[in-house]
N, C-alpha and C. Protein backbone atom coordinates (compact mmCIF):
# COMPACT_ATOMS: atom_id res chain seq x y z
N MET A 1 -47.41 10.53 20.88
CA MET A 1 -48.00 9.70 19.83
C MET A 1 -47.71 8.24 20.15
N THR A 2 -48.73 7.44 20.08
CA THR A 2 -48.59 6.01 20.38
C THR A 2 -48.30 5.25 19.11
N LEU A 3 -47.23 4.46 19.14
CA LEU A 3 -46.84 3.68 17.96
C LEU A 3 -47.50 2.32 18.00
N THR A 4 -48.01 1.91 16.87
CA THR A 4 -48.61 0.58 16.77
C THR A 4 -47.51 -0.47 16.74
N PRO A 5 -47.81 -1.72 17.06
CA PRO A 5 -46.79 -2.78 17.01
C PRO A 5 -46.14 -2.91 15.65
N VAL A 6 -46.91 -2.74 14.57
CA VAL A 6 -46.34 -2.86 13.22
C VAL A 6 -45.31 -1.77 12.99
N VAL A 7 -45.64 -0.54 13.37
CA VAL A 7 -44.72 0.57 13.20
C VAL A 7 -43.47 0.36 14.03
N LYS A 8 -43.66 -0.14 15.27
CA LYS A 8 -42.50 -0.40 16.12
C LYS A 8 -41.55 -1.40 15.47
N ARG A 9 -42.12 -2.49 14.94
CA ARG A 9 -41.28 -3.51 14.31
C ARG A 9 -40.56 -2.95 13.09
N THR A 10 -41.25 -2.11 12.32
CA THR A 10 -40.65 -1.50 11.15
C THR A 10 -39.47 -0.61 11.52
N LEU A 11 -39.66 0.20 12.58
CA LEU A 11 -38.58 1.07 13.04
C LEU A 11 -37.38 0.27 13.52
N VAL A 12 -37.63 -0.82 14.23
CA VAL A 12 -36.54 -1.66 14.72
C VAL A 12 -35.75 -2.24 13.55
N LEU A 13 -36.48 -2.72 12.53
CA LEU A 13 -35.80 -3.29 11.37
C LEU A 13 -34.98 -2.25 10.63
N LEU A 14 -35.52 -1.04 10.48
CA LEU A 14 -34.78 0.03 9.80
C LEU A 14 -33.51 0.40 10.56
N VAL A 15 -33.61 0.48 11.86
CA VAL A 15 -32.43 0.81 12.68
C VAL A 15 -31.38 -0.29 12.55
N ALA A 16 -31.84 -1.54 12.61
CA ALA A 16 -30.90 -2.66 12.50
C ALA A 16 -30.20 -2.67 11.16
N ALA A 17 -30.97 -2.42 10.09
CA ALA A 17 -30.37 -2.40 8.75
C ALA A 17 -29.35 -1.28 8.63
N SER A 18 -29.66 -0.12 9.20
CA SER A 18 -28.74 1.01 9.14
C SER A 18 -27.43 0.68 9.86
N LEU A 19 -27.55 -0.01 11.00
CA LEU A 19 -26.36 -0.39 11.75
C LEU A 19 -25.50 -1.37 10.96
N VAL A 20 -26.13 -2.32 10.28
CA VAL A 20 -25.37 -3.29 9.49
C VAL A 20 -24.60 -2.59 8.39
N VAL A 21 -25.26 -1.66 7.69
CA VAL A 21 -24.59 -0.92 6.62
C VAL A 21 -23.44 -0.10 7.16
N ALA A 22 -23.68 0.57 8.31
CA ALA A 22 -22.64 1.41 8.89
C ALA A 22 -21.43 0.58 9.31
N ILE A 23 -21.68 -0.58 9.91
CA ILE A 23 -20.57 -1.46 10.32
C ILE A 23 -19.82 -1.98 9.11
N SER A 24 -20.56 -2.34 8.05
CA SER A 24 -19.92 -2.86 6.84
C SER A 24 -18.99 -1.83 6.22
N VAL A 25 -19.45 -0.58 6.16
CA VAL A 25 -18.62 0.48 5.60
C VAL A 25 -17.39 0.71 6.46
N ALA A 26 -17.59 0.68 7.79
CA ALA A 26 -16.50 0.96 8.71
C ALA A 26 -15.39 -0.06 8.62
N ILE A 27 -15.73 -1.34 8.44
CA ILE A 27 -14.70 -2.39 8.43
C ILE A 27 -14.36 -2.86 7.04
N GLY A 28 -14.93 -2.23 6.01
CA GLY A 28 -14.57 -2.53 4.64
C GLY A 28 -15.20 -3.76 4.05
N LEU A 29 -16.32 -4.22 4.59
CA LEU A 29 -16.99 -5.37 4.02
C LEU A 29 -17.74 -4.96 2.76
N PRO A 30 -17.92 -5.90 1.80
CA PRO A 30 -18.71 -5.56 0.61
C PRO A 30 -20.15 -5.34 0.96
N GLU A 31 -20.82 -4.54 0.17
CA GLU A 31 -22.23 -4.27 0.40
C GLU A 31 -23.01 -5.56 0.32
N LEU A 32 -23.97 -5.75 1.24
CA LEU A 32 -24.72 -6.99 1.29
C LEU A 32 -25.70 -7.08 0.13
N ARG A 33 -25.49 -8.08 -0.74
CA ARG A 33 -26.37 -8.26 -1.88
C ARG A 33 -26.78 -9.72 -2.00
N GLY A 34 -26.68 -10.46 -0.94
CA GLY A 34 -26.99 -11.88 -0.99
C GLY A 34 -25.71 -12.68 -1.15
N ALA A 35 -25.64 -13.82 -0.49
CA ALA A 35 -24.44 -14.64 -0.54
C ALA A 35 -24.26 -15.22 -1.93
N PRO A 36 -23.00 -15.29 -2.41
CA PRO A 36 -22.78 -15.87 -3.74
C PRO A 36 -23.04 -17.35 -3.73
N GLY A 37 -23.59 -17.85 -4.84
CA GLY A 37 -23.86 -19.27 -4.96
C GLY A 37 -22.61 -20.03 -5.28
N PRO A 38 -22.69 -21.35 -5.33
CA PRO A 38 -21.51 -22.17 -5.57
C PRO A 38 -20.91 -21.98 -6.94
N ASN A 39 -21.69 -21.48 -7.92
CA ASN A 39 -21.19 -21.30 -9.27
C ASN A 39 -20.92 -19.84 -9.60
N ALA A 40 -20.74 -19.00 -8.57
CA ALA A 40 -20.58 -17.57 -8.81
C ALA A 40 -19.35 -17.30 -9.66
N GLY A 41 -18.24 -18.00 -9.41
CA GLY A 41 -17.03 -17.77 -10.19
C GLY A 41 -17.22 -18.11 -11.64
N MET A 42 -17.87 -19.24 -11.94
CA MET A 42 -18.12 -19.62 -13.32
C MET A 42 -19.03 -18.64 -14.01
N ALA A 43 -20.02 -18.14 -13.28
CA ALA A 43 -20.96 -17.17 -13.88
C ALA A 43 -20.23 -15.90 -14.27
N SER A 44 -19.31 -15.44 -13.42
CA SER A 44 -18.60 -14.21 -13.75
C SER A 44 -17.72 -14.40 -14.97
N MET A 45 -17.13 -15.59 -15.15
CA MET A 45 -16.33 -15.84 -16.34
C MET A 45 -17.20 -15.93 -17.58
N ALA A 46 -18.37 -16.56 -17.44
CA ALA A 46 -19.23 -16.76 -18.60
C ALA A 46 -19.76 -15.44 -19.13
N THR A 47 -19.93 -14.46 -18.22
CA THR A 47 -20.48 -13.17 -18.64
C THR A 47 -19.41 -12.10 -18.70
N ALA A 48 -18.14 -12.50 -18.63
CA ALA A 48 -17.07 -11.51 -18.65
C ALA A 48 -17.10 -10.73 -19.96
N PRO A 49 -16.89 -9.41 -19.88
CA PRO A 49 -16.93 -8.61 -21.10
C PRO A 49 -15.74 -8.91 -21.99
N ALA A 50 -15.94 -8.69 -23.28
CA ALA A 50 -14.85 -8.89 -24.23
C ALA A 50 -13.92 -7.69 -24.19
N HIS A 51 -13.01 -7.65 -25.19
CA HIS A 51 -12.07 -6.53 -25.35
C HIS A 51 -11.13 -6.42 -24.16
N GLY A 52 -10.59 -7.57 -23.73
CA GLY A 52 -9.49 -7.55 -22.78
C GLY A 52 -9.83 -7.19 -21.37
N GLU A 53 -11.09 -7.26 -20.95
CA GLU A 53 -11.43 -6.89 -19.59
C GLU A 53 -11.43 -8.09 -18.66
N HIS A 54 -11.00 -9.26 -19.13
CA HIS A 54 -10.89 -10.42 -18.28
C HIS A 54 -9.76 -10.21 -17.29
N GLY A 55 -9.93 -10.70 -16.06
CA GLY A 55 -8.84 -10.68 -15.11
C GLY A 55 -7.90 -11.84 -15.38
N LEU A 56 -6.59 -11.60 -15.38
CA LEU A 56 -5.66 -12.68 -15.67
C LEU A 56 -5.76 -13.78 -14.63
N ALA A 57 -6.03 -13.42 -13.37
CA ALA A 57 -6.13 -14.43 -12.33
C ALA A 57 -7.30 -15.37 -12.55
N ASP A 58 -8.30 -14.94 -13.35
CA ASP A 58 -9.46 -15.80 -13.60
C ASP A 58 -9.07 -17.04 -14.39
N HIS A 59 -7.92 -17.03 -15.03
CA HIS A 59 -7.54 -18.15 -15.87
C HIS A 59 -6.40 -18.97 -15.28
N ALA A 60 -6.27 -18.97 -13.97
CA ALA A 60 -5.35 -19.90 -13.32
C ALA A 60 -5.89 -21.31 -13.54
N VAL A 61 -5.01 -22.23 -13.89
CA VAL A 61 -5.45 -23.59 -14.20
C VAL A 61 -5.21 -24.50 -13.01
N ALA A 62 -6.14 -25.43 -12.80
CA ALA A 62 -6.06 -26.30 -11.64
C ALA A 62 -5.15 -27.49 -11.87
N ASP A 63 -5.05 -27.94 -13.11
CA ASP A 63 -4.24 -29.11 -13.42
C ASP A 63 -3.95 -29.15 -14.91
N GLU A 64 -3.25 -30.20 -15.33
CA GLU A 64 -2.86 -30.30 -16.73
C GLU A 64 -4.07 -30.43 -17.65
N GLU A 65 -5.04 -31.21 -17.23
CA GLU A 65 -6.25 -31.37 -18.04
C GLU A 65 -6.92 -30.03 -18.29
N ALA A 66 -7.03 -29.20 -17.24
CA ALA A 66 -7.68 -27.90 -17.37
C ALA A 66 -6.90 -26.99 -18.32
N PHE A 67 -5.58 -27.06 -18.26
CA PHE A 67 -4.76 -26.23 -19.15
C PHE A 67 -4.98 -26.63 -20.60
N ILE A 68 -4.93 -27.93 -20.87
CA ILE A 68 -5.10 -28.41 -22.25
C ILE A 68 -6.50 -28.07 -22.76
N ALA A 69 -7.51 -28.39 -21.95
CA ALA A 69 -8.89 -28.15 -22.38
C ALA A 69 -9.18 -26.66 -22.55
N GLY A 70 -8.60 -25.83 -21.70
CA GLY A 70 -8.85 -24.39 -21.79
C GLY A 70 -8.11 -23.71 -22.91
N MET A 71 -6.94 -24.24 -23.26
CA MET A 71 -6.15 -23.61 -24.30
C MET A 71 -6.73 -23.85 -25.69
N ILE A 72 -7.47 -24.94 -25.87
CA ILE A 72 -8.02 -25.24 -27.20
C ILE A 72 -8.98 -24.14 -27.67
N PRO A 73 -10.04 -23.79 -26.94
CA PRO A 73 -10.93 -22.72 -27.44
C PRO A 73 -10.24 -21.36 -27.47
N HIS A 74 -9.29 -21.14 -26.57
CA HIS A 74 -8.56 -19.87 -26.58
C HIS A 74 -7.75 -19.74 -27.87
N HIS A 75 -7.04 -20.78 -28.24
CA HIS A 75 -6.30 -20.77 -29.50
C HIS A 75 -7.26 -20.66 -30.70
N GLN A 76 -8.39 -21.37 -30.63
CA GLN A 76 -9.32 -21.36 -31.75
C GLN A 76 -9.85 -19.97 -32.02
N GLU A 77 -10.11 -19.21 -30.96
CA GLU A 77 -10.59 -17.85 -31.17
C GLU A 77 -9.52 -17.01 -31.87
N ALA A 78 -8.26 -17.20 -31.50
CA ALA A 78 -7.18 -16.45 -32.15
C ALA A 78 -7.09 -16.81 -33.63
N VAL A 79 -7.21 -18.09 -33.95
CA VAL A 79 -7.18 -18.53 -35.35
C VAL A 79 -8.35 -17.93 -36.12
N ASP A 80 -9.54 -17.98 -35.54
CA ASP A 80 -10.73 -17.45 -36.21
C ASP A 80 -10.60 -15.94 -36.45
N ALA A 81 -10.11 -15.22 -35.43
CA ALA A 81 -9.97 -13.76 -35.56
C ALA A 81 -8.92 -13.41 -36.61
N ALA A 82 -7.81 -14.14 -36.62
CA ALA A 82 -6.75 -13.87 -37.60
C ALA A 82 -7.21 -14.21 -39.01
N THR A 83 -7.96 -15.30 -39.15
CA THR A 83 -8.48 -15.68 -40.47
C THR A 83 -9.44 -14.61 -41.00
N ALA A 84 -10.30 -14.10 -40.12
CA ALA A 84 -11.23 -13.04 -40.53
C ALA A 84 -10.47 -11.78 -40.93
N LEU A 85 -9.42 -11.45 -40.20
CA LEU A 85 -8.65 -10.25 -40.51
C LEU A 85 -7.96 -10.36 -41.87
N LEU A 86 -7.46 -11.54 -42.19
CA LEU A 86 -6.74 -11.71 -43.45
C LEU A 86 -7.61 -11.46 -44.68
N ARG A 87 -8.93 -11.47 -44.49
CA ARG A 87 -9.82 -11.18 -45.62
C ARG A 87 -9.82 -9.70 -45.97
N VAL A 88 -9.42 -8.84 -45.02
CA VAL A 88 -9.53 -7.39 -45.25
C VAL A 88 -8.24 -6.63 -45.00
N ALA A 89 -7.30 -7.20 -44.25
CA ALA A 89 -6.10 -6.46 -43.86
C ALA A 89 -5.25 -6.09 -45.07
N GLU A 90 -4.66 -4.91 -45.02
CA GLU A 90 -3.80 -4.42 -46.10
C GLU A 90 -2.35 -4.25 -45.66
N SER A 91 -2.12 -4.01 -44.37
CA SER A 91 -0.77 -3.80 -43.86
C SER A 91 0.03 -5.10 -43.93
N PRO A 92 1.19 -5.09 -44.59
CA PRO A 92 2.02 -6.31 -44.64
C PRO A 92 2.42 -6.80 -43.26
N ALA A 93 2.70 -5.89 -42.34
CA ALA A 93 3.11 -6.28 -40.99
C ALA A 93 1.97 -6.98 -40.25
N VAL A 94 0.77 -6.43 -40.38
CA VAL A 94 -0.38 -7.02 -39.70
C VAL A 94 -0.72 -8.37 -40.33
N ARG A 95 -0.66 -8.45 -41.62
CA ARG A 95 -0.94 -9.73 -42.30
C ARG A 95 0.08 -10.79 -41.87
N ALA A 96 1.34 -10.39 -41.73
CA ALA A 96 2.36 -11.34 -41.30
C ALA A 96 2.07 -11.87 -39.90
N GLU A 97 1.63 -10.98 -38.99
CA GLU A 97 1.29 -11.43 -37.63
C GLU A 97 0.10 -12.39 -37.66
N ALA A 98 -0.92 -12.06 -38.45
CA ALA A 98 -2.11 -12.90 -38.52
C ALA A 98 -1.78 -14.27 -39.11
N GLU A 99 -0.95 -14.27 -40.15
CA GLU A 99 -0.58 -15.54 -40.78
C GLU A 99 0.23 -16.42 -39.82
N ALA A 100 1.12 -15.79 -39.04
CA ALA A 100 1.91 -16.54 -38.06
C ALA A 100 1.02 -17.14 -36.97
N ILE A 101 0.02 -16.37 -36.54
CA ILE A 101 -0.90 -16.86 -35.52
C ILE A 101 -1.68 -18.06 -36.03
N VAL A 102 -2.19 -17.97 -37.24
CA VAL A 102 -2.97 -19.08 -37.81
C VAL A 102 -2.11 -20.33 -37.90
N ALA A 103 -0.90 -20.21 -38.43
CA ALA A 103 -0.04 -21.37 -38.62
C ALA A 103 0.35 -22.01 -37.28
N ALA A 104 0.82 -21.19 -36.35
CA ALA A 104 1.32 -21.72 -35.08
C ALA A 104 0.19 -22.31 -34.22
N GLN A 105 -0.91 -21.58 -34.15
CA GLN A 105 -1.94 -22.01 -33.21
C GLN A 105 -2.81 -23.13 -33.78
N ARG A 106 -2.93 -23.24 -35.08
CA ARG A 106 -3.60 -24.42 -35.65
C ARG A 106 -2.79 -25.67 -35.31
N HIS A 107 -1.47 -25.57 -35.44
CA HIS A 107 -0.60 -26.70 -35.11
C HIS A 107 -0.76 -27.08 -33.64
N GLU A 108 -0.77 -26.08 -32.77
CA GLU A 108 -0.89 -26.35 -31.34
C GLU A 108 -2.27 -26.91 -30.99
N ILE A 109 -3.30 -26.45 -31.67
CA ILE A 109 -4.64 -27.01 -31.45
C ILE A 109 -4.65 -28.50 -31.77
N ASP A 110 -4.01 -28.89 -32.87
CA ASP A 110 -3.94 -30.31 -33.23
C ASP A 110 -3.26 -31.11 -32.12
N LEU A 111 -2.17 -30.57 -31.57
CA LEU A 111 -1.47 -31.25 -30.48
C LEU A 111 -2.36 -31.36 -29.24
N LEU A 112 -2.96 -30.25 -28.88
CA LEU A 112 -3.79 -30.20 -27.67
C LEU A 112 -4.98 -31.16 -27.77
N GLU A 113 -5.64 -31.17 -28.92
CA GLU A 113 -6.79 -32.06 -29.09
C GLU A 113 -6.36 -33.52 -29.03
N GLY A 114 -5.21 -33.84 -29.58
CA GLY A 114 -4.72 -35.21 -29.51
C GLY A 114 -4.40 -35.62 -28.10
N TRP A 115 -3.75 -34.72 -27.35
CA TRP A 115 -3.43 -35.03 -25.95
C TRP A 115 -4.68 -35.21 -25.12
N LEU A 116 -5.65 -34.34 -25.36
CA LEU A 116 -6.88 -34.44 -24.58
C LEU A 116 -7.58 -35.77 -24.84
N ALA A 117 -7.62 -36.18 -26.10
CA ALA A 117 -8.28 -37.45 -26.45
C ALA A 117 -7.51 -38.65 -25.89
N ASP A 118 -6.19 -38.58 -25.91
CA ASP A 118 -5.38 -39.71 -25.46
C ASP A 118 -5.30 -39.82 -23.95
N TRP A 119 -5.10 -38.69 -23.29
CA TRP A 119 -4.82 -38.70 -21.86
C TRP A 119 -6.04 -38.43 -20.99
N TYR A 120 -6.97 -37.64 -21.50
CA TYR A 120 -8.14 -37.24 -20.71
C TYR A 120 -9.41 -37.42 -21.54
N PRO A 121 -9.72 -38.65 -21.92
CA PRO A 121 -10.86 -38.88 -22.83
C PRO A 121 -12.21 -38.49 -22.22
N ASP A 122 -12.27 -38.41 -20.91
CA ASP A 122 -13.54 -38.05 -20.26
C ASP A 122 -13.63 -36.56 -19.95
N ALA A 123 -12.69 -35.77 -20.44
CA ALA A 123 -12.69 -34.33 -20.15
C ALA A 123 -13.93 -33.67 -20.74
N ARG A 124 -14.48 -32.74 -20.00
CA ARG A 124 -15.64 -31.97 -20.47
C ARG A 124 -15.14 -30.73 -21.18
N PRO A 125 -15.87 -30.26 -22.18
CA PRO A 125 -15.46 -29.04 -22.90
C PRO A 125 -15.28 -27.87 -21.93
N SER A 126 -14.26 -27.08 -22.16
CA SER A 126 -13.98 -25.95 -21.28
C SER A 126 -14.89 -24.78 -21.62
N ALA A 127 -15.49 -24.17 -20.58
CA ALA A 127 -16.29 -22.96 -20.80
C ALA A 127 -15.35 -21.83 -21.23
N TYR A 128 -15.77 -21.05 -22.20
CA TYR A 128 -14.89 -20.00 -22.70
C TYR A 128 -15.68 -18.74 -23.00
N ALA A 129 -15.19 -17.60 -22.51
CA ALA A 129 -15.80 -16.30 -22.78
C ALA A 129 -14.97 -15.59 -23.84
N PRO A 130 -15.53 -15.31 -25.02
CA PRO A 130 -14.76 -14.68 -26.10
C PRO A 130 -14.15 -13.36 -25.68
N MET A 131 -12.97 -13.08 -26.23
CA MET A 131 -12.25 -11.86 -25.89
C MET A 131 -12.15 -10.88 -27.06
N MET A 132 -12.23 -11.39 -28.28
CA MET A 132 -11.98 -10.57 -29.46
C MET A 132 -13.26 -9.90 -29.97
N ARG A 133 -13.14 -8.62 -30.34
CA ARG A 133 -14.27 -7.91 -30.93
C ARG A 133 -14.44 -8.28 -32.40
N SER A 134 -15.65 -8.22 -32.88
CA SER A 134 -15.90 -8.45 -34.30
C SER A 134 -15.37 -7.26 -35.10
N ILE A 135 -14.78 -7.57 -36.26
CA ILE A 135 -14.31 -6.49 -37.15
C ILE A 135 -15.24 -6.33 -38.34
N GLU A 136 -16.36 -7.01 -38.31
CA GLU A 136 -17.30 -6.94 -39.43
C GLU A 136 -17.76 -5.50 -39.66
N GLY A 137 -17.68 -5.05 -40.90
CA GLY A 137 -18.12 -3.71 -41.26
C GLY A 137 -17.09 -2.63 -41.04
N MET A 138 -15.93 -2.96 -40.46
CA MET A 138 -14.89 -1.96 -40.23
C MET A 138 -14.06 -1.75 -41.49
N SER A 139 -13.42 -0.61 -41.58
CA SER A 139 -12.46 -0.35 -42.65
C SER A 139 -11.23 -1.22 -42.42
N PRO A 140 -10.41 -1.42 -43.45
CA PRO A 140 -9.19 -2.20 -43.24
C PRO A 140 -8.31 -1.65 -42.12
N GLY A 141 -8.15 -0.33 -42.08
CA GLY A 141 -7.32 0.27 -41.03
C GLY A 141 -7.87 0.04 -39.64
N ASP A 142 -9.17 0.25 -39.47
CA ASP A 142 -9.78 0.03 -38.16
C ASP A 142 -9.74 -1.45 -37.79
N SER A 143 -9.92 -2.33 -38.77
CA SER A 143 -9.85 -3.77 -38.50
C SER A 143 -8.47 -4.16 -38.00
N GLU A 144 -7.44 -3.61 -38.64
CA GLU A 144 -6.08 -3.92 -38.24
C GLU A 144 -5.79 -3.46 -36.82
N ALA A 145 -6.17 -2.22 -36.51
CA ALA A 145 -5.92 -1.68 -35.18
C ALA A 145 -6.69 -2.45 -34.11
N THR A 146 -7.95 -2.76 -34.39
CA THR A 146 -8.77 -3.50 -33.43
C THR A 146 -8.19 -4.89 -33.18
N PHE A 147 -7.79 -5.56 -34.25
CA PHE A 147 -7.21 -6.89 -34.12
C PHE A 147 -5.93 -6.85 -33.29
N MET A 148 -5.03 -5.94 -33.61
CA MET A 148 -3.76 -5.87 -32.89
C MET A 148 -3.97 -5.54 -31.43
N GLU A 149 -4.87 -4.60 -31.16
CA GLU A 149 -5.15 -4.20 -29.79
C GLU A 149 -5.74 -5.37 -28.99
N ASP A 150 -6.74 -6.04 -29.55
CA ASP A 150 -7.39 -7.13 -28.84
C ASP A 150 -6.48 -8.35 -28.70
N MET A 151 -5.64 -8.60 -29.71
CA MET A 151 -4.79 -9.77 -29.65
C MET A 151 -3.71 -9.64 -28.57
N ILE A 152 -3.34 -8.42 -28.24
CA ILE A 152 -2.40 -8.23 -27.14
C ILE A 152 -2.99 -8.79 -25.85
N ALA A 153 -4.22 -8.39 -25.53
CA ALA A 153 -4.86 -8.90 -24.31
C ALA A 153 -5.09 -10.40 -24.41
N HIS A 154 -5.42 -10.88 -25.61
CA HIS A 154 -5.64 -12.30 -25.82
C HIS A 154 -4.35 -13.08 -25.55
N HIS A 155 -3.24 -12.60 -26.07
CA HIS A 155 -1.95 -13.24 -25.83
C HIS A 155 -1.58 -13.17 -24.34
N GLU A 156 -1.86 -12.06 -23.70
CA GLU A 156 -1.54 -11.93 -22.28
C GLU A 156 -2.28 -12.99 -21.47
N MET A 157 -3.51 -13.30 -21.88
CA MET A 157 -4.26 -14.34 -21.18
C MET A 157 -3.62 -15.72 -21.40
N ALA A 158 -3.19 -15.99 -22.63
CA ALA A 158 -2.53 -17.27 -22.91
C ALA A 158 -1.25 -17.39 -22.09
N ILE A 159 -0.51 -16.31 -21.98
CA ILE A 159 0.72 -16.32 -21.18
C ILE A 159 0.39 -16.59 -19.71
N ALA A 160 -0.67 -15.97 -19.20
CA ALA A 160 -1.07 -16.21 -17.82
C ALA A 160 -1.45 -17.67 -17.60
N MET A 161 -2.14 -18.26 -18.55
CA MET A 161 -2.52 -19.68 -18.44
C MET A 161 -1.28 -20.57 -18.46
N ALA A 162 -0.34 -20.27 -19.36
CA ALA A 162 0.88 -21.07 -19.45
C ALA A 162 1.71 -20.95 -18.17
N GLU A 163 1.83 -19.74 -17.64
CA GLU A 163 2.57 -19.55 -16.40
C GLU A 163 1.91 -20.29 -15.25
N SER A 164 0.59 -20.26 -15.21
CA SER A 164 -0.14 -20.97 -14.17
C SER A 164 0.10 -22.47 -14.26
N TYR A 165 0.09 -22.99 -15.49
CA TYR A 165 0.36 -24.43 -15.68
C TYR A 165 1.77 -24.79 -15.23
N LEU A 166 2.75 -23.99 -15.63
CA LEU A 166 4.14 -24.29 -15.30
C LEU A 166 4.43 -24.14 -13.80
N ALA A 167 3.55 -23.45 -13.09
CA ALA A 167 3.72 -23.30 -11.64
C ALA A 167 3.08 -24.44 -10.84
N LEU A 168 2.37 -25.32 -11.52
CA LEU A 168 1.71 -26.42 -10.82
C LEU A 168 2.74 -27.35 -10.17
N GLU A 169 2.42 -27.83 -8.98
CA GLU A 169 3.29 -28.78 -8.31
C GLU A 169 3.03 -30.21 -8.79
N ALA A 170 1.86 -30.46 -9.35
CA ALA A 170 1.52 -31.80 -9.81
C ALA A 170 2.43 -32.20 -10.97
N PRO A 171 2.60 -33.50 -11.21
CA PRO A 171 3.43 -33.93 -12.35
C PRO A 171 2.92 -33.35 -13.66
N ARG A 172 3.87 -32.96 -14.50
CA ARG A 172 3.53 -32.37 -15.79
C ARG A 172 4.25 -33.15 -16.89
N ARG A 173 3.55 -33.37 -17.98
CA ARG A 173 4.17 -34.06 -19.12
C ARG A 173 5.11 -33.12 -19.86
N GLN A 174 6.22 -33.68 -20.33
CA GLN A 174 7.23 -32.87 -21.00
C GLN A 174 6.68 -32.20 -22.25
N GLU A 175 5.80 -32.90 -22.98
CA GLU A 175 5.24 -32.33 -24.20
C GLU A 175 4.43 -31.07 -23.92
N VAL A 176 3.65 -31.12 -22.84
CA VAL A 176 2.81 -29.98 -22.49
C VAL A 176 3.66 -28.84 -21.94
N GLU A 177 4.68 -29.17 -21.17
CA GLU A 177 5.60 -28.14 -20.69
C GLU A 177 6.25 -27.42 -21.86
N SER A 178 6.67 -28.18 -22.87
CA SER A 178 7.31 -27.58 -24.04
C SER A 178 6.36 -26.63 -24.76
N LEU A 179 5.10 -27.03 -24.91
CA LEU A 179 4.13 -26.15 -25.56
C LEU A 179 3.91 -24.88 -24.72
N ALA A 180 3.82 -25.03 -23.39
CA ALA A 180 3.62 -23.86 -22.54
C ALA A 180 4.79 -22.88 -22.67
N HIS A 181 6.00 -23.41 -22.73
CA HIS A 181 7.17 -22.53 -22.90
C HIS A 181 7.14 -21.85 -24.28
N ASP A 182 6.68 -22.58 -25.29
CA ASP A 182 6.54 -21.98 -26.63
C ASP A 182 5.55 -20.82 -26.60
N VAL A 183 4.44 -21.01 -25.89
CA VAL A 183 3.44 -19.94 -25.75
C VAL A 183 4.08 -18.71 -25.10
N LEU A 184 4.82 -18.92 -24.03
CA LEU A 184 5.46 -17.79 -23.35
C LEU A 184 6.41 -17.05 -24.28
N ARG A 185 7.21 -17.78 -25.00
CA ARG A 185 8.24 -17.16 -25.84
C ARG A 185 7.64 -16.47 -27.07
N THR A 186 6.84 -17.20 -27.83
CA THR A 186 6.35 -16.64 -29.10
C THR A 186 5.33 -15.54 -28.88
N GLN A 187 4.44 -15.72 -27.92
CA GLN A 187 3.39 -14.72 -27.75
C GLN A 187 3.90 -13.46 -27.08
N ALA A 188 4.91 -13.58 -26.21
CA ALA A 188 5.52 -12.38 -25.65
C ALA A 188 6.19 -11.56 -26.75
N ALA A 189 6.86 -12.23 -27.68
CA ALA A 189 7.49 -11.51 -28.80
C ALA A 189 6.45 -10.86 -29.69
N GLU A 190 5.33 -11.56 -29.93
CA GLU A 190 4.27 -11.00 -30.76
C GLU A 190 3.64 -9.79 -30.09
N ILE A 191 3.48 -9.84 -28.78
CA ILE A 191 2.92 -8.69 -28.06
C ILE A 191 3.80 -7.46 -28.27
N GLU A 192 5.11 -7.64 -28.17
CA GLU A 192 6.01 -6.48 -28.35
C GLU A 192 5.90 -5.91 -29.76
N ARG A 193 5.81 -6.78 -30.76
CA ARG A 193 5.68 -6.28 -32.13
C ARG A 193 4.34 -5.58 -32.34
N MET A 194 3.28 -6.12 -31.76
CA MET A 194 1.96 -5.50 -31.90
C MET A 194 1.91 -4.14 -31.21
N ARG A 195 2.50 -4.04 -30.03
CA ARG A 195 2.54 -2.74 -29.35
C ARG A 195 3.34 -1.73 -30.16
N ALA A 196 4.45 -2.18 -30.74
CA ALA A 196 5.25 -1.27 -31.55
C ALA A 196 4.47 -0.79 -32.77
N TRP A 197 3.70 -1.70 -33.38
CA TRP A 197 2.89 -1.32 -34.55
C TRP A 197 1.83 -0.30 -34.16
N LEU A 198 1.17 -0.53 -33.03
CA LEU A 198 0.13 0.41 -32.58
C LEU A 198 0.73 1.78 -32.28
N LEU A 199 1.90 1.81 -31.67
CA LEU A 199 2.55 3.09 -31.39
C LEU A 199 2.94 3.79 -32.68
N GLU A 200 3.49 3.04 -33.61
CA GLU A 200 3.92 3.61 -34.88
C GLU A 200 2.76 4.20 -35.66
N HIS A 201 1.59 3.54 -35.55
CA HIS A 201 0.42 4.00 -36.31
C HIS A 201 -0.54 4.82 -35.44
N ASP A 202 -0.13 5.11 -34.21
CA ASP A 202 -0.96 5.90 -33.30
C ASP A 202 -2.38 5.35 -33.27
N ALA A 203 -2.48 4.03 -33.08
CA ALA A 203 -3.78 3.36 -33.13
C ALA A 203 -4.05 2.66 -31.81
N GLY A 204 -5.37 2.54 -31.48
CA GLY A 204 -5.78 1.81 -30.29
C GLY A 204 -5.26 2.44 -29.02
N ASP A 205 -5.22 1.63 -27.95
CA ASP A 205 -4.68 2.14 -26.68
C ASP A 205 -3.35 1.46 -26.39
N HIS A 206 -2.72 0.88 -27.44
CA HIS A 206 -1.39 0.31 -27.37
C HIS A 206 -1.30 -0.85 -26.38
N GLY A 207 -2.39 -1.61 -26.29
CA GLY A 207 -2.36 -2.81 -25.45
C GLY A 207 -2.57 -2.53 -23.99
N GLY A 208 -2.95 -1.33 -23.62
CA GLY A 208 -3.10 -1.01 -22.20
C GLY A 208 -4.47 -1.32 -21.68
N HIS A 209 -4.95 -2.57 -21.81
CA HIS A 209 -6.29 -2.92 -21.34
C HIS A 209 -6.30 -2.92 -19.83
């Protein structure tokens, strides 16, 4: 059978493609889907799923400005989620955690916004992918469990951001260092209490996102 030039070219291309796939599998390269663009990292953060599926490494901060700007919307989401929970929560322990989050993080937001305005007036708003699930329409019990479960992952992200900031070699202001240490201390303690509550009430996945 005589092959036409078009068929020959098609066969050559198919063989070449098969070889590329085989070599990629053999040496562990990712499947070829087109080279990532310059904003691929930002796109993955913008579309990151909620409910604690963010990678902690995604929130490494480049400098002090990035830490301050990034912590503001992160704290604001915690305040908003805790405020919404307080409208329906019945458990005294859960209400106490939510009230503590609102008080502490509202105060820290005020500090962060002041620092950003004073030290980095040209800073651009930080892109933020929400982490907390809506509790609208849930029963009080389900709302409490969902909030506690999601807030564990939310706190873990704040701790990762604070640790990343404190690891920076660039000069750091003492005020910001103090806030980062407060985040590490208070939110780690809150995580332990939330995990204990989830275990006691056999609710959620006990913070194992």
